[in-house]
N, C-alpha and C. Protein backbone atom coordinates (compact mmCIF):
# COMPACT_ATOMS: atom_id res chain seq x y z
N UNK A 1 78.54 -22.87 46.29
CA UNK A 1 78.42 -21.54 45.67
C UNK A 1 79.81 -20.92 45.50
N UNK A 2 80.07 -20.29 44.32
CA UNK A 2 81.37 -19.67 44.10
C UNK A 2 81.44 -18.33 44.82
N UNK A 3 82.63 -17.73 44.78
CA UNK A 3 82.82 -16.46 45.49
C UNK A 3 82.87 -15.28 44.53
N UNK A 4 82.28 -15.43 43.34
CA UNK A 4 82.26 -14.34 42.39
C UNK A 4 81.23 -13.29 42.81
N UNK A 5 81.65 -12.03 42.76
CA UNK A 5 80.73 -10.94 43.07
C UNK A 5 79.88 -10.60 41.86
N UNK A 6 80.50 -10.59 40.69
CA UNK A 6 79.80 -10.26 39.46
C UNK A 6 80.25 -11.22 38.36
N UNK A 7 79.28 -11.77 37.63
CA UNK A 7 79.59 -12.65 36.51
C UNK A 7 78.80 -12.23 35.28
N UNK A 8 79.46 -12.30 34.16
CA UNK A 8 78.81 -12.14 32.86
C UNK A 8 78.99 -13.47 32.12
N UNK A 9 77.89 -14.04 31.67
CA UNK A 9 77.95 -15.34 31.00
C UNK A 9 77.30 -15.26 29.63
N UNK A 10 78.12 -15.47 28.60
CA UNK A 10 77.60 -15.54 27.25
C UNK A 10 76.91 -14.28 26.77
N UNK A 11 77.43 -13.13 27.15
CA UNK A 11 76.77 -11.85 26.82
C UNK A 11 76.97 -11.53 25.33
N UNK A 12 75.85 -11.32 24.65
CA UNK A 12 75.85 -10.89 23.25
C UNK A 12 75.06 -9.60 23.13
N UNK A 13 75.56 -8.72 22.29
CA UNK A 13 74.85 -7.45 22.07
C UNK A 13 75.14 -6.94 20.67
N UNK A 14 74.08 -6.59 19.97
CA UNK A 14 74.23 -6.01 18.65
C UNK A 14 73.15 -4.97 18.42
N UNK A 15 73.29 -4.21 17.38
CA UNK A 15 72.30 -3.21 17.03
C UNK A 15 71.74 -3.54 15.64
N UNK A 16 70.47 -3.18 15.41
CA UNK A 16 69.74 -3.66 14.24
C UNK A 16 69.68 -5.17 14.27
N UNK A 17 69.37 -5.69 15.45
CA UNK A 17 69.47 -7.13 15.72
C UNK A 17 68.70 -7.96 14.69
N UNK A 18 69.40 -8.94 14.10
CA UNK A 18 68.78 -9.87 13.17
C UNK A 18 68.65 -9.36 11.76
N UNK A 19 69.06 -8.15 11.50
CA UNK A 19 68.96 -7.57 10.16
C UNK A 19 70.29 -7.74 9.42
N UNK A 20 70.27 -7.62 8.10
CA UNK A 20 71.51 -7.79 7.33
C UNK A 20 72.61 -6.81 7.73
N UNK A 21 72.22 -5.62 8.16
CA UNK A 21 73.21 -4.61 8.53
C UNK A 21 73.45 -4.56 10.04
N UNK A 22 73.19 -5.68 10.73
CA UNK A 22 73.41 -5.73 12.18
C UNK A 22 74.86 -5.40 12.53
N UNK A 23 75.03 -4.60 13.55
CA UNK A 23 76.37 -4.27 14.06
C UNK A 23 76.59 -5.06 15.34
N UNK A 24 77.48 -6.02 15.30
CA UNK A 24 77.77 -6.83 16.48
C UNK A 24 78.77 -6.07 17.37
N UNK A 25 78.44 -5.96 18.66
CA UNK A 25 79.31 -5.25 19.61
C UNK A 25 79.98 -6.24 20.56
N UNK A 26 79.19 -7.15 21.13
CA UNK A 26 79.71 -8.15 22.06
C UNK A 26 79.26 -9.52 21.60
N UNK A 27 80.19 -10.48 21.62
CA UNK A 27 79.90 -11.81 21.10
C UNK A 27 80.30 -12.88 22.13
N UNK A 28 79.31 -13.36 22.88
CA UNK A 28 79.51 -14.40 23.89
C UNK A 28 80.65 -14.05 24.85
N UNK A 29 80.49 -12.93 25.51
CA UNK A 29 81.47 -12.44 26.47
C UNK A 29 81.25 -13.10 27.83
N UNK A 30 82.31 -13.63 28.40
CA UNK A 30 82.30 -14.22 29.74
C UNK A 30 83.30 -13.48 30.61
N UNK A 31 82.88 -13.14 31.84
CA UNK A 31 83.78 -12.46 32.77
C UNK A 31 83.31 -12.73 34.20
N UNK A 32 84.24 -13.08 35.07
CA UNK A 32 83.92 -13.31 36.48
C UNK A 32 84.85 -12.47 37.34
N UNK A 33 84.26 -11.73 38.29
CA UNK A 33 85.02 -10.84 39.16
C UNK A 33 84.87 -11.27 40.61
N UNK A 34 85.99 -11.36 41.32
CA UNK A 34 85.96 -11.76 42.72
C UNK A 34 86.12 -10.55 43.63
N UNK A 35 85.79 -10.72 44.89
CA UNK A 35 85.85 -9.65 45.87
C UNK A 35 87.28 -9.11 46.00
N UNK A 36 87.41 -7.79 45.98
CA UNK A 36 88.69 -7.14 46.15
C UNK A 36 89.54 -7.08 44.90
N UNK A 37 89.04 -7.58 43.80
CA UNK A 37 89.80 -7.63 42.55
C UNK A 37 89.59 -6.35 41.74
N UNK A 38 90.69 -5.83 41.20
CA UNK A 38 90.60 -4.69 40.28
C UNK A 38 90.94 -5.19 38.88
N UNK A 39 90.01 -5.04 37.96
CA UNK A 39 90.18 -5.57 36.61
C UNK A 39 90.15 -4.43 35.61
N UNK A 40 91.17 -4.35 34.77
CA UNK A 40 91.22 -3.35 33.71
C UNK A 40 90.55 -3.91 32.46
N UNK A 41 89.60 -3.17 31.93
CA UNK A 41 88.95 -3.51 30.67
C UNK A 41 89.57 -2.63 29.59
N UNK A 42 90.37 -3.25 28.73
CA UNK A 42 91.20 -2.50 27.78
C UNK A 42 90.65 -2.69 26.37
N UNK A 43 90.51 -1.60 25.66
CA UNK A 43 90.09 -1.63 24.25
C UNK A 43 90.12 -0.21 23.73
N UNK A 44 90.30 -0.05 22.43
CA UNK A 44 90.25 1.30 21.85
C UNK A 44 88.83 1.84 21.88
N UNK A 45 88.71 3.13 21.65
CA UNK A 45 87.39 3.76 21.61
C UNK A 45 86.53 3.11 20.54
N UNK A 46 85.26 2.89 20.87
CA UNK A 46 84.34 2.31 19.92
C UNK A 46 84.32 0.80 19.89
N UNK A 47 85.11 0.15 20.73
CA UNK A 47 85.19 -1.31 20.70
C UNK A 47 84.11 -1.99 21.53
N UNK A 48 83.38 -1.21 22.36
CA UNK A 48 82.30 -1.80 23.13
C UNK A 48 82.49 -1.79 24.64
N UNK A 49 83.51 -1.06 25.12
CA UNK A 49 83.76 -1.02 26.57
C UNK A 49 82.56 -0.46 27.32
N UNK A 50 82.05 0.65 26.85
CA UNK A 50 80.93 1.28 27.55
C UNK A 50 79.68 0.39 27.50
N UNK A 51 79.46 -0.26 26.37
CA UNK A 51 78.32 -1.16 26.26
C UNK A 51 78.43 -2.29 27.27
N UNK A 52 79.61 -2.86 27.39
CA UNK A 52 79.82 -3.95 28.36
C UNK A 52 79.58 -3.46 29.78
N UNK A 53 80.08 -2.28 30.12
CA UNK A 53 79.88 -1.73 31.46
C UNK A 53 78.40 -1.45 31.72
N UNK A 54 77.70 -0.94 30.73
CA UNK A 54 76.29 -0.64 30.91
C UNK A 54 75.47 -1.90 31.13
N UNK A 55 75.83 -2.98 30.45
CA UNK A 55 75.14 -4.25 30.67
C UNK A 55 75.47 -4.80 32.05
N UNK A 56 76.76 -4.75 32.43
CA UNK A 56 77.18 -5.23 33.75
C UNK A 56 76.50 -4.43 34.86
N UNK A 57 76.28 -3.14 34.60
CA UNK A 57 75.68 -2.27 35.61
C UNK A 57 74.18 -2.14 35.52
N UNK A 58 73.56 -2.98 34.68
CA UNK A 58 72.10 -3.03 34.56
C UNK A 58 71.50 -1.74 34.01
N UNK A 59 72.30 -1.00 33.27
CA UNK A 59 71.80 0.19 32.57
C UNK A 59 71.32 -0.16 31.17
N UNK A 60 71.73 -1.32 30.68
CA UNK A 60 71.35 -1.80 29.37
C UNK A 60 71.12 -3.30 29.48
N UNK A 61 70.46 -3.88 28.51
CA UNK A 61 70.21 -5.31 28.51
C UNK A 61 70.92 -5.97 27.35
N UNK A 62 71.35 -7.21 27.56
CA UNK A 62 72.00 -7.98 26.51
C UNK A 62 70.95 -8.65 25.62
N UNK A 63 71.34 -8.95 24.40
CA UNK A 63 70.46 -9.70 23.51
C UNK A 63 70.34 -11.15 24.00
N UNK A 64 71.43 -11.66 24.56
CA UNK A 64 71.40 -12.97 25.20
C UNK A 64 72.54 -13.04 26.21
N UNK A 65 72.43 -14.02 27.13
CA UNK A 65 73.43 -14.15 28.18
C UNK A 65 72.87 -13.72 29.52
N UNK A 66 73.67 -13.91 30.56
CA UNK A 66 73.23 -13.63 31.93
C UNK A 66 74.19 -12.70 32.66
N UNK A 67 73.61 -11.83 33.47
CA UNK A 67 74.35 -11.03 34.44
C UNK A 67 74.01 -11.60 35.81
N UNK A 68 75.05 -11.98 36.56
CA UNK A 68 74.85 -12.62 37.86
C UNK A 68 75.54 -11.78 38.91
N UNK A 69 74.78 -11.29 39.86
CA UNK A 69 75.28 -10.41 40.91
C UNK A 69 75.12 -11.11 42.25
N UNK A 70 76.23 -11.33 42.94
CA UNK A 70 76.18 -11.99 44.23
C UNK A 70 75.60 -13.39 44.17
N UNK A 71 75.83 -14.09 43.05
CA UNK A 71 75.35 -15.45 42.90
C UNK A 71 73.94 -15.58 42.38
N UNK A 72 73.26 -14.46 42.11
CA UNK A 72 71.87 -14.50 41.66
C UNK A 72 71.76 -13.84 40.28
N UNK A 73 71.11 -14.51 39.35
CA UNK A 73 70.89 -13.94 38.04
C UNK A 73 69.94 -12.75 38.13
N UNK A 74 70.34 -11.64 37.53
CA UNK A 74 69.51 -10.42 37.56
C UNK A 74 69.14 -9.98 36.14
N UNK A 75 69.41 -10.83 35.18
CA UNK A 75 69.17 -10.46 33.78
C UNK A 75 67.71 -10.17 33.51
N UNK A 76 66.82 -10.89 34.18
CA UNK A 76 65.39 -10.73 33.92
C UNK A 76 64.68 -9.83 34.93
N UNK A 77 65.46 -9.13 35.75
CA UNK A 77 64.86 -8.25 36.75
C UNK A 77 64.07 -7.13 36.07
N UNK A 78 62.95 -6.75 36.67
CA UNK A 78 62.17 -5.66 36.11
C UNK A 78 62.83 -4.31 36.42
N UNK A 79 62.28 -3.24 35.87
CA UNK A 79 62.91 -1.93 36.00
C UNK A 79 63.05 -1.51 37.46
N UNK A 80 62.05 -1.78 38.26
CA UNK A 80 62.10 -1.40 39.67
C UNK A 80 63.23 -2.12 40.39
N UNK A 81 63.35 -3.42 40.14
CA UNK A 81 64.40 -4.22 40.78
C UNK A 81 65.78 -3.78 40.30
N UNK A 82 65.91 -3.50 39.01
CA UNK A 82 67.20 -3.08 38.46
C UNK A 82 67.62 -1.74 39.06
N UNK A 83 66.66 -0.83 39.23
CA UNK A 83 66.96 0.46 39.85
C UNK A 83 67.45 0.28 41.28
N UNK A 84 66.79 -0.60 42.02
CA UNK A 84 67.20 -0.87 43.40
C UNK A 84 68.59 -1.47 43.46
N UNK A 85 68.89 -2.41 42.57
CA UNK A 85 70.22 -3.04 42.55
C UNK A 85 71.30 -2.02 42.19
N UNK A 86 71.00 -1.15 41.22
CA UNK A 86 71.99 -0.11 40.86
C UNK A 86 72.24 0.82 42.04
N UNK A 87 71.20 1.16 42.77
CA UNK A 87 71.34 2.09 43.87
C UNK A 87 72.12 1.48 45.03
N UNK A 88 71.90 0.19 45.28
CA UNK A 88 72.47 -0.44 46.47
C UNK A 88 73.77 -1.20 46.23
N UNK A 89 73.92 -1.81 45.06
CA UNK A 89 75.00 -2.77 44.86
C UNK A 89 76.05 -2.36 43.84
N UNK A 90 75.77 -1.32 43.06
CA UNK A 90 76.67 -0.97 41.97
C UNK A 90 76.99 0.52 42.03
N UNK A 91 78.28 0.84 42.01
CA UNK A 91 78.70 2.23 41.95
C UNK A 91 79.27 2.55 40.58
N UNK A 92 78.95 3.73 40.06
CA UNK A 92 79.39 4.13 38.72
C UNK A 92 80.28 5.37 38.79
N UNK A 93 81.34 5.35 37.99
CA UNK A 93 82.16 6.54 37.78
C UNK A 93 82.38 6.68 36.28
N UNK A 94 82.13 7.88 35.78
CA UNK A 94 82.27 8.12 34.35
C UNK A 94 83.45 9.03 34.07
N UNK A 95 83.75 9.21 32.77
CA UNK A 95 84.85 10.09 32.39
C UNK A 95 84.58 11.52 32.84
N UNK A 96 83.34 11.96 32.76
CA UNK A 96 82.94 13.27 33.26
C UNK A 96 82.21 13.07 34.58
N UNK A 97 82.46 13.93 35.52
CA UNK A 97 82.02 13.68 36.89
C UNK A 97 80.50 13.68 37.09
N UNK A 98 79.77 14.49 36.30
CA UNK A 98 78.30 14.56 36.39
C UNK A 98 77.81 14.89 37.80
N UNK A 99 78.55 15.70 38.52
CA UNK A 99 78.08 16.17 39.83
C UNK A 99 76.96 17.18 39.63
N UNK A 100 76.06 17.24 40.60
CA UNK A 100 74.98 18.22 40.54
C UNK A 100 75.55 19.60 40.91
N UNK A 101 75.52 20.55 39.97
CA UNK A 101 76.24 21.82 40.17
C UNK A 101 75.68 22.69 41.28
N UNK A 102 74.40 22.54 41.60
CA UNK A 102 73.78 23.41 42.60
C UNK A 102 74.01 22.92 44.03
N UNK A 103 74.65 21.76 44.17
CA UNK A 103 74.90 21.19 45.50
C UNK A 103 76.40 21.15 45.78
N UNK A 104 76.75 21.21 47.05
CA UNK A 104 78.15 21.13 47.45
C UNK A 104 78.67 19.71 47.27
N UNK A 105 79.98 19.57 47.43
CA UNK A 105 80.60 18.24 47.31
C UNK A 105 79.96 17.25 48.28
N UNK A 106 79.84 17.64 49.54
CA UNK A 106 79.30 16.71 50.53
C UNK A 106 77.83 16.41 50.26
N UNK A 107 77.08 17.40 49.77
CA UNK A 107 75.67 17.17 49.45
C UNK A 107 75.52 16.18 48.30
N UNK A 108 76.44 16.24 47.32
CA UNK A 108 76.41 15.30 46.21
C UNK A 108 76.61 13.86 46.68
N UNK A 109 77.29 13.70 47.80
CA UNK A 109 77.53 12.36 48.35
C UNK A 109 76.41 11.95 49.29
N UNK A 110 75.80 12.91 49.93
CA UNK A 110 74.69 12.63 50.85
C UNK A 110 73.43 12.22 50.10
N UNK A 111 73.14 12.88 48.98
CA UNK A 111 71.87 12.67 48.29
C UNK A 111 71.58 11.22 47.91
N UNK A 112 72.53 10.48 47.31
CA UNK A 112 72.20 9.08 46.99
C UNK A 112 71.95 8.23 48.22
N UNK A 113 72.54 8.60 49.34
CA UNK A 113 72.29 7.86 50.57
C UNK A 113 70.88 8.11 51.09
N UNK A 114 70.43 9.37 51.01
CA UNK A 114 69.07 9.68 51.43
C UNK A 114 68.05 8.95 50.55
N UNK A 115 68.36 8.86 49.25
CA UNK A 115 67.46 8.15 48.34
C UNK A 115 67.39 6.66 48.67
N UNK A 116 68.42 6.18 49.35
CA UNK A 116 68.48 4.77 49.73
C UNK A 116 67.94 4.52 51.13
N UNK A 117 67.42 5.57 51.77
CA UNK A 117 66.80 5.42 53.07
C UNK A 117 67.70 5.66 54.26
N UNK A 118 68.92 6.12 54.04
CA UNK A 118 69.83 6.42 55.14
C UNK A 118 69.42 7.72 55.81
N UNK A 119 69.56 7.81 57.12
CA UNK A 119 69.21 9.03 57.83
C UNK A 119 70.19 10.14 57.46
N UNK A 120 69.73 11.38 57.60
CA UNK A 120 70.59 12.52 57.27
C UNK A 120 71.87 12.51 58.11
N UNK A 121 71.74 12.18 59.38
CA UNK A 121 72.91 12.16 60.28
C UNK A 121 73.94 11.13 59.82
N UNK A 122 73.47 9.92 59.54
CA UNK A 122 74.39 8.86 59.12
C UNK A 122 74.97 9.14 57.73
N UNK A 123 74.15 9.69 56.84
CA UNK A 123 74.62 10.01 55.50
C UNK A 123 75.71 11.07 55.53
N UNK A 124 75.52 12.07 56.38
CA UNK A 124 76.52 13.13 56.51
C UNK A 124 77.82 12.60 57.08
N UNK A 125 77.72 11.76 58.09
CA UNK A 125 78.92 11.17 58.70
C UNK A 125 79.68 10.32 57.69
N UNK A 126 78.96 9.52 56.93
CA UNK A 126 79.61 8.65 55.93
C UNK A 126 80.23 9.49 54.82
N UNK A 127 79.55 10.54 54.40
CA UNK A 127 80.09 11.42 53.36
C UNK A 127 81.39 12.06 53.82
N UNK A 128 81.44 12.48 55.07
CA UNK A 128 82.67 13.07 55.60
C UNK A 128 83.80 12.05 55.64
N UNK A 129 83.47 10.81 55.99
CA UNK A 129 84.49 9.75 56.00
C UNK A 129 85.05 9.53 54.60
N UNK A 130 84.17 9.47 53.62
CA UNK A 130 84.61 9.25 52.24
C UNK A 130 85.47 10.42 51.74
N UNK A 131 85.05 11.64 52.03
CA UNK A 131 85.85 12.80 51.62
C UNK A 131 87.23 12.76 52.27
N UNK A 132 87.30 12.30 53.50
CA UNK A 132 88.59 12.16 54.17
C UNK A 132 89.47 11.13 53.49
N UNK A 133 88.87 10.06 53.00
CA UNK A 133 89.63 9.01 52.33
C UNK A 133 90.27 9.49 51.04
N UNK A 134 89.66 10.47 50.38
CA UNK A 134 90.21 10.98 49.12
C UNK A 134 90.90 12.33 49.30
N UNK A 135 91.14 12.73 50.55
CA UNK A 135 91.89 13.94 50.83
C UNK A 135 91.16 15.24 50.60
N UNK A 136 89.82 15.22 50.75
CA UNK A 136 89.04 16.42 50.48
C UNK A 136 88.22 16.87 51.69
N UNK A 137 88.70 16.59 52.87
CA UNK A 137 87.98 16.94 54.09
C UNK A 137 87.60 18.42 54.13
N UNK A 138 88.50 19.26 53.70
CA UNK A 138 88.27 20.70 53.79
C UNK A 138 87.55 21.29 52.58
N UNK A 139 87.14 20.44 51.65
CA UNK A 139 86.51 20.94 50.42
C UNK A 139 85.04 20.54 50.32
N UNK A 140 84.52 19.97 51.38
CA UNK A 140 83.17 19.44 51.34
C UNK A 140 82.09 20.47 51.07
N UNK A 141 82.31 21.72 51.51
CA UNK A 141 81.27 22.74 51.33
C UNK A 141 81.40 23.49 50.01
N UNK A 142 82.34 23.07 49.17
CA UNK A 142 82.54 23.72 47.88
C UNK A 142 81.65 23.08 46.81
N UNK A 143 81.12 23.93 45.95
CA UNK A 143 80.35 23.42 44.82
C UNK A 143 81.31 22.95 43.72
N UNK A 144 80.84 22.09 42.80
CA UNK A 144 81.72 21.57 41.75
C UNK A 144 82.50 22.65 41.00
N UNK A 145 81.87 23.79 40.73
CA UNK A 145 82.54 24.85 39.98
C UNK A 145 83.72 25.45 40.74
N UNK A 146 83.77 25.19 42.05
CA UNK A 146 84.86 25.70 42.88
C UNK A 146 85.96 24.67 43.10
N UNK A 147 85.83 23.52 42.46
CA UNK A 147 86.80 22.45 42.60
C UNK A 147 87.57 22.25 41.30
N UNK A 148 88.78 21.76 41.40
CA UNK A 148 89.56 21.42 40.21
C UNK A 148 88.98 20.15 39.57
N UNK A 149 89.43 19.86 38.36
CA UNK A 149 88.96 18.66 37.68
C UNK A 149 89.25 17.39 38.46
N UNK A 150 90.46 17.32 39.03
CA UNK A 150 90.81 16.16 39.82
C UNK A 150 89.98 16.04 41.09
N UNK A 151 89.69 17.17 41.71
CA UNK A 151 88.86 17.17 42.91
C UNK A 151 87.43 16.75 42.59
N UNK A 152 86.92 17.24 41.48
CA UNK A 152 85.57 16.87 41.07
C UNK A 152 85.46 15.36 40.86
N UNK A 153 86.49 14.78 40.25
CA UNK A 153 86.43 13.34 39.99
C UNK A 153 86.56 12.53 41.28
N UNK A 154 87.32 13.05 42.22
CA UNK A 154 87.41 12.36 43.52
C UNK A 154 86.07 12.40 44.26
N UNK A 155 85.36 13.52 44.13
CA UNK A 155 84.02 13.59 44.72
C UNK A 155 83.10 12.58 44.02
N UNK A 156 83.26 12.45 42.71
CA UNK A 156 82.46 11.47 41.96
C UNK A 156 82.73 10.05 42.45
N UNK A 157 83.99 9.76 42.80
CA UNK A 157 84.31 8.45 43.39
C UNK A 157 83.54 8.26 44.70
N UNK A 158 83.58 9.29 45.52
CA UNK A 158 82.87 9.21 46.81
C UNK A 158 81.39 8.97 46.61
N UNK A 159 80.81 9.67 45.66
CA UNK A 159 79.38 9.49 45.39
C UNK A 159 79.11 8.04 44.95
N UNK A 160 79.99 7.48 44.13
CA UNK A 160 79.81 6.11 43.67
C UNK A 160 79.87 5.12 44.82
N UNK A 161 80.62 5.47 45.86
CA UNK A 161 80.80 4.57 47.01
C UNK A 161 79.82 4.86 48.14
N UNK A 162 78.96 5.84 47.96
CA UNK A 162 78.12 6.34 49.05
C UNK A 162 77.27 5.26 49.70
N UNK A 163 76.74 4.34 48.90
CA UNK A 163 75.84 3.31 49.44
C UNK A 163 76.53 1.96 49.63
N UNK A 164 77.86 2.00 49.75
CA UNK A 164 78.65 0.79 50.00
C UNK A 164 78.32 -0.33 49.01
N UNK A 165 78.55 -0.08 47.72
CA UNK A 165 78.21 -1.07 46.71
C UNK A 165 79.13 -2.29 46.75
N UNK A 166 78.69 -3.36 46.10
CA UNK A 166 79.54 -4.54 45.95
C UNK A 166 80.58 -4.32 44.86
N UNK A 167 80.15 -3.59 43.81
CA UNK A 167 80.95 -3.47 42.59
C UNK A 167 81.08 -2.00 42.20
N UNK A 168 82.28 -1.61 41.78
CA UNK A 168 82.51 -0.29 41.21
C UNK A 168 82.79 -0.46 39.73
N UNK A 169 82.03 0.22 38.90
CA UNK A 169 82.24 0.22 37.45
C UNK A 169 82.68 1.62 37.05
N UNK A 170 83.82 1.70 36.37
CA UNK A 170 84.36 3.01 36.00
C UNK A 170 84.70 3.03 34.51
N UNK A 171 84.20 4.03 33.81
CA UNK A 171 84.39 4.14 32.37
C UNK A 171 85.34 5.30 32.07
N UNK A 172 86.59 4.96 31.80
CA UNK A 172 87.64 5.96 31.54
C UNK A 172 87.61 7.05 32.62
N UNK A 173 87.74 6.68 33.89
CA UNK A 173 87.51 7.65 34.97
C UNK A 173 88.52 8.79 35.04
N UNK A 174 89.67 8.64 34.38
CA UNK A 174 90.64 9.74 34.37
C UNK A 174 90.89 10.26 32.96
N UNK A 175 90.05 9.86 32.02
CA UNK A 175 90.26 10.20 30.62
C UNK A 175 90.11 11.68 30.31
N UNK A 176 89.48 12.44 31.20
CA UNK A 176 89.25 13.87 30.95
C UNK A 176 90.25 14.75 31.69
N UNK A 177 91.30 14.11 32.25
CA UNK A 177 92.26 14.84 33.07
C UNK A 177 93.64 14.83 32.41
N UNK A 178 94.48 15.81 32.75
CA UNK A 178 95.85 15.81 32.26
C UNK A 178 96.62 14.66 32.92
N UNK A 179 97.78 14.33 32.39
CA UNK A 179 98.50 13.14 32.82
C UNK A 179 98.85 13.16 34.31
N UNK A 180 99.33 14.28 34.79
CA UNK A 180 99.72 14.36 36.20
C UNK A 180 98.51 14.19 37.11
N UNK A 181 97.45 14.92 36.81
CA UNK A 181 96.23 14.81 37.61
C UNK A 181 95.64 13.42 37.49
N UNK A 182 95.68 12.85 36.29
CA UNK A 182 95.17 11.50 36.07
C UNK A 182 95.87 10.49 36.98
N UNK A 183 97.19 10.58 37.04
CA UNK A 183 97.96 9.65 37.89
C UNK A 183 97.58 9.82 39.36
N UNK A 184 97.43 11.07 39.79
CA UNK A 184 97.08 11.33 41.19
C UNK A 184 95.70 10.79 41.53
N UNK A 185 94.74 11.04 40.65
CA UNK A 185 93.37 10.59 40.89
C UNK A 185 93.30 9.07 40.86
N UNK A 186 94.05 8.46 39.96
CA UNK A 186 94.03 7.00 39.88
C UNK A 186 94.65 6.38 41.12
N UNK A 187 95.69 7.02 41.66
CA UNK A 187 96.26 6.55 42.93
C UNK A 187 95.20 6.52 44.01
N UNK A 188 94.43 7.59 44.09
CA UNK A 188 93.37 7.68 45.10
C UNK A 188 92.32 6.59 44.87
N UNK A 189 91.93 6.40 43.61
CA UNK A 189 90.92 5.39 43.28
C UNK A 189 91.37 4.00 43.73
N UNK A 190 92.59 3.63 43.39
CA UNK A 190 93.08 2.30 43.76
C UNK A 190 93.20 2.16 45.27
N UNK A 191 93.66 3.20 45.94
CA UNK A 191 93.79 3.14 47.40
C UNK A 191 92.42 2.91 48.05
N UNK A 192 91.41 3.64 47.59
CA UNK A 192 90.08 3.52 48.18
C UNK A 192 89.49 2.14 47.89
N UNK A 193 89.65 1.67 46.66
CA UNK A 193 89.12 0.35 46.30
C UNK A 193 89.75 -0.73 47.16
N UNK A 194 91.05 -0.66 47.34
CA UNK A 194 91.75 -1.68 48.13
C UNK A 194 91.39 -1.57 49.61
N UNK A 195 91.23 -0.35 50.09
CA UNK A 195 90.90 -0.16 51.51
C UNK A 195 89.50 -0.66 51.83
N UNK A 196 88.58 -0.52 50.89
CA UNK A 196 87.20 -0.92 51.13
C UNK A 196 86.91 -2.35 50.71
N UNK A 197 87.86 -2.99 50.01
CA UNK A 197 87.64 -4.36 49.57
C UNK A 197 86.66 -4.49 48.42
N UNK A 198 86.46 -3.42 47.69
CA UNK A 198 85.54 -3.41 46.56
C UNK A 198 86.03 -4.29 45.42
N UNK A 199 85.09 -4.71 44.60
CA UNK A 199 85.40 -5.30 43.31
C UNK A 199 85.25 -4.20 42.27
N UNK A 200 86.26 -4.03 41.43
CA UNK A 200 86.22 -2.92 40.48
C UNK A 200 86.53 -3.39 39.06
N UNK A 201 85.72 -2.92 38.12
CA UNK A 201 85.96 -3.12 36.70
C UNK A 201 86.12 -1.74 36.08
N UNK A 202 87.32 -1.48 35.56
CA UNK A 202 87.67 -0.13 35.14
C UNK A 202 88.09 -0.15 33.67
N UNK A 203 87.31 0.53 32.84
CA UNK A 203 87.63 0.63 31.42
C UNK A 203 88.67 1.72 31.20
N UNK A 204 89.69 1.39 30.42
CA UNK A 204 90.73 2.37 30.13
C UNK A 204 91.45 1.99 28.84
N UNK A 205 91.96 2.98 28.16
CA UNK A 205 92.84 2.70 27.01
C UNK A 205 94.28 3.05 27.36
N UNK A 206 94.53 3.34 28.64
CA UNK A 206 95.87 3.71 29.11
C UNK A 206 96.58 2.46 29.63
N UNK A 207 97.59 1.95 28.91
CA UNK A 207 98.24 0.71 29.32
C UNK A 207 98.98 0.82 30.65
N UNK A 208 99.48 2.02 30.99
CA UNK A 208 100.18 2.19 32.25
C UNK A 208 99.23 2.07 33.43
N UNK A 209 98.03 2.64 33.31
CA UNK A 209 97.05 2.50 34.37
C UNK A 209 96.55 1.06 34.46
N UNK A 210 96.33 0.45 33.32
CA UNK A 210 95.85 -0.94 33.30
C UNK A 210 96.83 -1.87 33.99
N UNK A 211 98.11 -1.62 33.80
CA UNK A 211 99.14 -2.50 34.36
C UNK A 211 99.17 -2.46 35.89
N UNK A 212 98.56 -1.46 36.48
CA UNK A 212 98.59 -1.33 37.94
C UNK A 212 97.45 -2.08 38.62
N UNK A 213 96.57 -2.67 37.83
CA UNK A 213 95.44 -3.38 38.40
C UNK A 213 95.74 -4.87 38.56
N UNK A 214 94.85 -5.58 39.23
CA UNK A 214 95.07 -6.99 39.52
C UNK A 214 95.24 -7.79 38.24
N UNK A 215 94.42 -7.52 37.27
CA UNK A 215 94.53 -8.22 35.99
C UNK A 215 93.93 -7.36 34.89
N UNK A 216 94.16 -7.79 33.64
CA UNK A 216 93.66 -7.06 32.49
C UNK A 216 92.88 -8.01 31.58
N UNK A 217 91.79 -7.51 31.04
CA UNK A 217 91.07 -8.22 29.98
C UNK A 217 90.90 -7.25 28.82
N UNK A 218 90.81 -7.80 27.62
CA UNK A 218 90.76 -6.94 26.43
C UNK A 218 89.61 -7.37 25.52
N UNK A 219 88.90 -6.39 25.00
CA UNK A 219 87.89 -6.67 23.98
C UNK A 219 88.60 -6.74 22.63
N UNK A 220 88.50 -7.91 22.00
CA UNK A 220 89.18 -8.15 20.73
C UNK A 220 88.20 -8.83 19.78
N UNK A 221 87.80 -8.12 18.73
CA UNK A 221 86.87 -8.66 17.75
C UNK A 221 85.57 -9.10 18.41
N UNK A 222 85.06 -8.26 19.32
CA UNK A 222 83.79 -8.44 20.01
C UNK A 222 83.83 -9.48 21.12
N UNK A 223 84.98 -10.09 21.35
CA UNK A 223 85.11 -11.09 22.40
C UNK A 223 86.07 -10.59 23.47
N UNK A 224 85.98 -11.19 24.67
CA UNK A 224 86.83 -10.78 25.78
C UNK A 224 87.94 -11.81 25.97
N UNK A 225 89.19 -11.33 26.02
CA UNK A 225 90.33 -12.23 26.18
C UNK A 225 91.19 -11.73 27.34
N UNK A 226 91.85 -12.65 28.02
CA UNK A 226 92.78 -12.29 29.08
C UNK A 226 94.05 -11.73 28.47
N UNK A 227 94.63 -10.73 29.13
CA UNK A 227 95.88 -10.13 28.66
C UNK A 227 97.03 -10.81 29.38
């Protein structure tokens, strides 16, 4: 058995599938991610980065090909199984934080743990640990509206890591921030990923951020190529 945490094999995706006006997005994409690896997914807007992440994260299905998580194909998993895998094994971070506004920072991190069956005591302790890792120990009781953009995104990172996933998928996670804040937040993201040994696939169009990761892959004419 190989040591790949996440594999994509022969992933194809198009819209208006099989029709003359079909729009091809992904064409036989192959990607293998190992434990502790940070991979930059580089492409301009509209090239299919989000589609690839959604398929990798079981939020969307491919027209053909396989998604393999922890050595097991999950492409044919039913909705219930896919939901369980997303909750337990995959963490998501988006360009916008999508925190629940009526809950505090720490509550936003506790909630996904409770949904996964963790006790309130353990969920609270883990949430505090995660907030400490991103430098927000004293901001846990603040609601999103009371946090800066960079702080909100750091809380979103913590929420993504709440259930100790195997894989972190991030779609332009600093794209909504100014350059200085973006650099600071990205520093935190990389530090946490490396400290936890996570496997991370991070979509970005920022070449400077991409260069700081373990490796880079690029979507070029619907195919994935090494940079």
